[in-house]
Amino acid sequence: MTELAGARPRLYQTPSSYYSMIARLALAEGGIAYERIFVDIHYRLSQQQPDYVRINPGMTVPTLVLADRVLIESRDIAEYALGAATDAETKSWVDLHYSYPIEELTFGGILARNPLARIMIPKRLEAARRQLLTHAAQTPDLASVYEARAAVFAGRIKAFEPDAVVKLSERRRAEAIGFMDRIEQTLSDGRAVLVTPAYGVADVVWTVFLGRMEFAGLGAEIPKRPAVARYWSAMKARPSFPAADIWTKFHIGRLIGGILGIGRG
C-alpha cells in the first residue's frame, strides 16, 4: 500500500463518504483516470491499520496516491484535478464549504431522529477511540498519531452527546439552509456556474453539498429556490455526476458490496 510507483493514481475511498465523493467528482471532471480502492471505515476500521496510517496519518478518506506525492485532503485532490482556487471568489466559496462540519449535519440528524442511534453511535465512537489507543500501544512509531486521532474521537463523543445533539442538529440544518439561500442569491443572475466563466472547484464541492442535502432529508428545500433547482438539475446532468457515484440517498447494498469486495467499491 505504501508504494508510490506507477503512472495511474490510486484513490483510497469509501463510496458513502462525503469527501470521497468530492474527490471522485473532481477527478471525473478533470478527466483523470485512477484506480478506485475501497477502504472499510465502518466495520473493519481499515483506516486505522498501520499500513494505511503511514500513507494518511489523519486516518481519513479519501487519499490520492500519485507517483510523486500523496494527497490526503479532498480539497487538495479537487485542486489537483481542476486547478487551485486562486481567485478570491472561488477561494471564498471553497473556504465556506470547508468551514462547515458536514458530519454534524449527517450524524447529528440521525441521532436527533433516532433514539436507538443516540445509544449505539456514541458506543461505536467510544469503541473506535479505544481501538486507536490499542494501536498506539502496539505500534510505537505511530503512537503519537494514534493518540491524536483518539483525541478527535473524544471530541466527537462530546459533540454528539445525546442531550445536546438535537440542538446541534437544528443549528447545522439552519446553517445548511442558509448556504442554499446564499447559492440562490449568487445564481439568480442566470449564471450556469458558481464562479464564472467556467465550472471549477467551487462547483465540485457545492454539488456534493446539494447531494448531501437530499441525503440528509433537506432535499425539499431545493425546489423552493428556483436558481438552486436549475443549477442542481444541470450539475446532475453532467457526465461526471454518475461517474462520481454521488449518493443522494443511502445504498446499503452498495456499501455491503464494497465491504465484501464486490461491486464498485
Protein backbone atom coordinates (compact mmCIF):
# COMPACT_ATOMS: atom_id res chain seq x y z
CA MET A 1 0.00 0.00 0.00
CA THR A 2 2.90 2.38 0.58
CA GLU A 3 4.50 2.01 -2.85
CA LEU A 4 4.13 5.18 -4.92
CA ALA A 5 5.44 3.88 -8.24
CA GLY A 6 3.10 3.59 -11.20
CA ALA A 7 1.60 6.12 -13.57
CA ARG A 8 -2.04 5.61 -12.64
CA PRO A 9 -3.21 7.38 -9.46
CA ARG A 10 -4.83 5.30 -6.73
CA LEU A 11 -7.77 6.72 -4.82
CA TYR A 12 -8.42 5.15 -1.43
CA GLN A 13 -12.04 5.97 -0.69
CA THR A 14 -15.40 4.88 0.67
CA PRO A 15 -18.49 5.08 -1.58
CA SER A 16 -20.70 6.77 1.03
CA SER A 17 -18.01 9.17 2.27
CA TYR A 18 -18.88 12.81 1.58
CA TYR A 19 -15.29 13.83 1.00
CA SER A 20 -14.63 10.79 -1.18
CA MET A 21 -17.47 12.00 -3.41
CA ILE A 22 -15.74 15.36 -3.77
CA ALA A 23 -12.55 13.62 -4.87
CA ARG A 24 -14.37 11.34 -7.31
CA LEU A 25 -16.31 14.22 -8.85
CA ALA A 26 -13.22 16.39 -9.26
CA LEU A 27 -11.25 13.56 -10.86
CA ALA A 28 -14.15 12.78 -13.19
CA GLU A 29 -14.43 16.44 -14.21
CA GLY A 30 -10.69 16.61 -14.71
CA GLY A 31 -10.73 13.51 -16.92
CA ILE A 32 -8.14 11.84 -14.70
CA ALA A 33 -8.11 8.04 -14.80
CA TYR A 34 -7.41 6.36 -11.50
CA GLU A 35 -7.74 3.09 -9.62
CA ARG A 36 -10.53 3.16 -7.03
CA ILE A 37 -9.70 1.26 -3.82
CA PHE A 38 -12.33 0.65 -1.16
CA VAL A 39 -11.48 1.48 2.46
CA ASP A 40 -13.88 -0.02 5.01
CA ILE A 41 -14.11 2.80 7.53
CA HIS A 42 -17.25 1.45 9.22
CA TYR A 43 -16.77 -2.19 10.19
CA ARG A 44 -13.16 -3.26 9.76
CA LEU A 45 -11.87 0.26 10.50
CA SER A 46 -9.28 -0.25 7.79
CA GLN A 47 -8.25 3.39 8.01
CA GLN A 48 -6.70 2.61 11.40
CA GLN A 49 -4.37 -0.08 10.10
CA PRO A 50 -0.68 0.90 10.26
CA ASP A 51 -0.07 0.49 6.53
CA TYR A 52 -2.85 2.98 5.76
CA VAL A 53 -1.83 5.34 8.58
CA ARG A 54 1.66 5.56 7.08
CA ILE A 55 0.04 6.91 3.91
CA ASN A 56 -2.56 9.11 5.60
CA PRO A 57 -1.77 9.96 9.25
CA GLY A 58 -5.18 11.61 9.53
CA MET A 59 -6.81 8.18 9.04
CA THR A 60 -9.43 9.67 6.75
CA VAL A 61 -10.70 9.13 3.24
CA PRO A 62 -10.07 9.99 0.51
CA THR A 63 -6.35 9.57 -0.11
CA LEU A 64 -4.94 10.02 -3.61
CA VAL A 65 -1.60 8.30 -4.19
CA LEU A 66 0.33 9.81 -7.09
CA ALA A 67 3.70 8.81 -8.49
CA ASP A 68 5.43 11.72 -6.75
CA ARG A 69 3.23 12.58 -3.75
CA VAL A 70 0.20 11.71 -1.66
CA LEU A 71 -2.83 13.97 -1.24
CA ILE A 72 -4.87 13.36 1.90
CA GLU A 73 -7.42 16.18 1.71
CA SER A 74 -10.37 16.26 -0.67
CA ARG A 75 -9.74 19.95 -1.31
CA ASP A 76 -6.18 19.24 -2.42
CA ILE A 77 -7.40 16.43 -4.66
CA ALA A 78 -10.03 18.69 -6.24
CA GLU A 79 -7.46 21.41 -6.87
CA TYR A 80 -5.03 18.85 -8.29
CA ALA A 81 -7.73 17.76 -10.74
CA LEU A 82 -9.13 21.16 -11.69
CA GLY A 83 -6.57 23.76 -10.68
CA ALA A 84 -6.02 25.66 -7.46
CA ALA A 85 -8.65 28.08 -6.20
CA THR A 86 -6.56 31.23 -6.63
CA ASP A 87 -9.18 33.89 -7.36
CA ALA A 88 -10.89 35.49 -4.37
CA GLU A 89 -14.43 34.42 -5.28
CA THR A 90 -13.60 30.75 -5.76
CA LYS A 91 -11.49 30.70 -2.62
CA SER A 92 -14.33 32.27 -0.64
CA TRP A 93 -16.81 29.62 -1.77
CA VAL A 94 -14.40 26.76 -1.12
CA ASP A 95 -13.36 28.14 2.27
CA LEU A 96 -17.02 28.49 3.24
CA HIS A 97 -17.70 24.90 2.30
CA TYR A 98 -14.77 23.51 4.29
CA SER A 99 -15.60 25.61 7.35
CA TYR A 100 -18.84 23.65 7.77
CA PRO A 101 -18.72 20.36 9.74
CA ILE A 102 -20.84 18.26 7.40
CA GLU A 103 -20.64 15.19 9.67
CA GLU A 104 -22.51 17.14 12.36
CA LEU A 105 -25.37 17.61 9.91
CA THR A 106 -25.39 13.97 8.80
CA PHE A 107 -24.82 12.18 12.10
CA GLY A 108 -26.49 14.88 14.14
CA GLY A 109 -29.66 14.39 12.13
CA ILE A 110 -29.56 10.63 12.54
CA LEU A 111 -29.04 10.94 16.28
CA ALA A 112 -31.72 13.61 16.67
CA ARG A 113 -34.33 11.47 14.89
CA ASN A 114 -33.41 8.01 16.16
CA PRO A 115 -33.29 7.22 19.90
CA LEU A 116 -31.54 3.89 19.22
CA ALA A 117 -28.83 5.70 17.26
CA ARG A 118 -28.29 8.00 20.25
CA ILE A 119 -27.32 4.89 22.18
CA MET A 120 -25.42 2.97 19.52
CA ILE A 121 -23.38 5.66 17.73
CA PRO A 122 -21.67 7.06 20.86
CA LYS A 123 -20.81 3.47 21.81
CA ARG A 124 -19.35 2.92 18.36
CA LEU A 125 -17.33 6.11 18.62
CA GLU A 126 -16.01 5.08 22.03
CA ALA A 127 -15.05 1.66 20.69
CA ALA A 128 -13.14 3.33 17.84
CA ARG A 129 -11.38 5.61 20.34
CA ARG A 130 -10.29 2.64 22.44
CA GLN A 131 -9.11 0.79 19.35
CA LEU A 132 -6.95 3.78 18.41
CA LEU A 133 -5.31 3.69 21.83
CA THR A 134 -4.70 -0.04 21.41
CA HIS A 135 -2.99 0.66 18.08
CA ALA A 136 -0.91 3.34 19.83
CA ALA A 137 0.34 0.79 22.36
CA GLN A 138 1.05 -1.82 19.68
CA THR A 139 2.74 0.48 17.13
CA PRO A 140 5.21 2.72 19.00
CA ASP A 141 6.44 4.58 15.91
CA LEU A 142 2.87 5.74 15.24
CA ALA A 143 1.77 6.18 18.85
CA SER A 144 1.51 9.96 18.74
CA VAL A 145 -0.54 9.79 15.54
CA TYR A 146 -2.98 7.29 17.02
CA GLU A 147 -3.25 9.26 20.25
CA ALA A 148 -4.04 12.45 18.34
CA ARG A 149 -6.76 10.68 16.40
CA ALA A 150 -8.18 9.22 19.61
CA ALA A 151 -8.49 12.77 20.92
CA VAL A 152 -10.52 13.66 17.81
CA PHE A 153 -12.91 10.83 18.60
CA ALA A 154 -13.19 12.02 22.18
CA GLY A 155 -14.29 15.37 20.78
CA ARG A 156 -16.87 13.70 18.57
CA ILE A 157 -18.29 11.79 21.51
CA LYS A 158 -18.73 15.08 23.32
CA ALA A 159 -20.24 16.79 20.26
CA PHE A 160 -22.78 14.00 19.79
CA GLU A 161 -23.75 13.84 23.46
CA PRO A 162 -27.40 12.68 23.40
CA ASP A 163 -28.78 15.55 25.47
CA ALA A 164 -27.21 18.17 23.19
CA VAL A 165 -27.44 16.57 19.77
CA VAL A 166 -30.97 17.74 18.94
CA LYS A 167 -29.95 21.40 19.27
CA LEU A 168 -26.74 20.67 17.36
CA SER A 169 -28.75 19.13 14.52
CA GLU A 170 -31.14 22.06 14.40
CA ARG A 171 -28.26 24.53 14.23
CA ARG A 172 -26.48 22.67 11.44
CA ARG A 173 -29.72 22.30 9.44
CA ALA A 174 -30.37 26.04 9.73
CA GLU A 175 -26.83 26.78 8.57
CA ALA A 176 -27.19 24.40 5.61
CA ILE A 177 -30.42 26.10 4.54
CA GLY A 178 -28.65 29.44 4.85
CA PHE A 179 -25.98 28.20 2.45
CA MET A 180 -28.69 27.29 -0.06
CA ASP A 181 -30.06 30.83 0.25
CA ARG A 182 -26.60 32.20 -0.49
CA ILE A 183 -26.24 29.94 -3.54
CA GLU A 184 -29.69 31.07 -4.71
CA GLN A 185 -28.69 34.71 -4.46
CA THR A 186 -25.46 34.12 -6.39
CA LEU A 187 -27.13 32.14 -9.16
CA SER A 188 -30.11 34.49 -9.50
CA ASP A 189 -28.34 36.42 -12.28
CA GLY A 190 -28.72 33.35 -14.51
CA ARG A 191 -25.14 32.16 -14.39
CA ALA A 192 -24.55 28.47 -15.05
CA VAL A 193 -21.73 28.03 -12.54
CA LEU A 194 -20.97 29.48 -9.13
CA VAL A 195 -17.90 31.37 -10.28
CA THR A 196 -17.91 32.47 -13.90
CA PRO A 197 -16.87 31.83 -16.54
CA ALA A 198 -16.33 28.06 -16.16
CA TYR A 199 -17.06 25.06 -13.95
CA GLY A 200 -14.46 24.72 -11.22
CA VAL A 201 -13.63 23.55 -7.72
CA ALA A 202 -16.45 25.59 -6.16
CA ASP A 203 -18.97 23.72 -8.30
CA VAL A 204 -17.49 20.37 -7.26
CA VAL A 205 -17.83 20.95 -3.53
CA TRP A 206 -21.25 22.59 -3.64
CA THR A 207 -22.66 19.97 -5.99
CA VAL A 208 -21.70 17.31 -3.44
CA PHE A 209 -23.15 19.54 -0.72
CA LEU A 210 -26.52 19.66 -2.51
CA GLY A 211 -26.38 15.88 -2.85
CA ARG A 212 -25.88 15.68 0.90
CA MET A 213 -28.91 17.95 1.41
CA GLU A 214 -31.06 15.28 -0.24
CA PHE A 215 -29.26 12.54 1.71
CA ALA A 216 -29.90 14.38 5.00
CA GLY A 217 -33.61 14.94 4.33
CA LEU A 218 -33.33 18.56 3.21
CA GLY A 219 -33.96 17.90 -0.47
CA ALA A 220 -37.37 19.61 -0.31
CA GLU A 221 -35.55 22.89 0.26
CA ILE A 222 -34.01 22.80 -3.22
CA PRO A 223 -37.20 23.31 -5.31
CA LYS A 224 -38.09 26.29 -3.11
CA ARG A 225 -35.13 28.09 -4.68
CA PRO A 226 -35.53 28.25 -8.48
CA ALA A 227 -31.92 29.12 -9.27
CA VAL A 228 -30.61 26.36 -6.98
CA ALA A 229 -33.05 23.88 -8.55
CA ARG A 230 -31.90 24.88 -12.05
CA TYR A 231 -28.25 24.56 -11.03
CA TRP A 232 -28.78 21.21 -9.27
CA SER A 233 -30.51 19.77 -12.34
CA ALA A 234 -27.67 20.95 -14.56
CA MET A 235 -25.00 19.50 -12.25
CA LYS A 236 -26.76 16.11 -12.12
CA ALA A 237 -26.94 16.10 -15.92
CA ARG A 238 -23.17 16.40 -16.30
CA PRO A 239 -21.47 13.10 -17.23
CA SER A 240 -19.24 13.45 -14.18
CA PHE A 241 -22.16 13.10 -11.76
CA PRO A 242 -22.98 9.41 -12.35
CA ALA A 243 -19.30 8.66 -12.94
CA ALA A 244 -18.50 10.01 -9.47
CA ASP A 245 -21.27 7.98 -7.79
CA ILE A 246 -22.73 10.89 -5.82
CA TRP A 247 -25.03 9.49 -3.12
CA THR A 248 -28.29 11.37 -2.61
CA LYS A 249 -29.63 8.51 -0.50
CA PHE A 250 -28.15 5.64 1.47
CA HIS A 251 -27.35 2.49 -0.55
CA ILE A 252 -26.87 -0.33 1.94
CA GLY A 253 -26.35 -2.94 -0.78
CA ARG A 254 -23.61 -0.94 -2.44
CA LEU A 255 -21.87 -0.34 0.88
CA ILE A 256 -22.00 -4.04 1.79
CA GLY A 257 -20.72 -4.88 -1.68
CA GLY A 258 -17.67 -2.73 -1.08
CA ILE A 259 -17.06 -4.35 2.28
CA LEU A 260 -17.28 -7.82 0.75
CA GLY A 261 -15.06 -6.87 -2.16
CA ILE A 262 -17.77 -7.00 -4.82
CA GLY A 263 -19.40 -4.23 -6.81
CA ARG A 264 -17.87 -0.82 -7.47
CA GLY A 265 -16.04 -0.36 -4.19
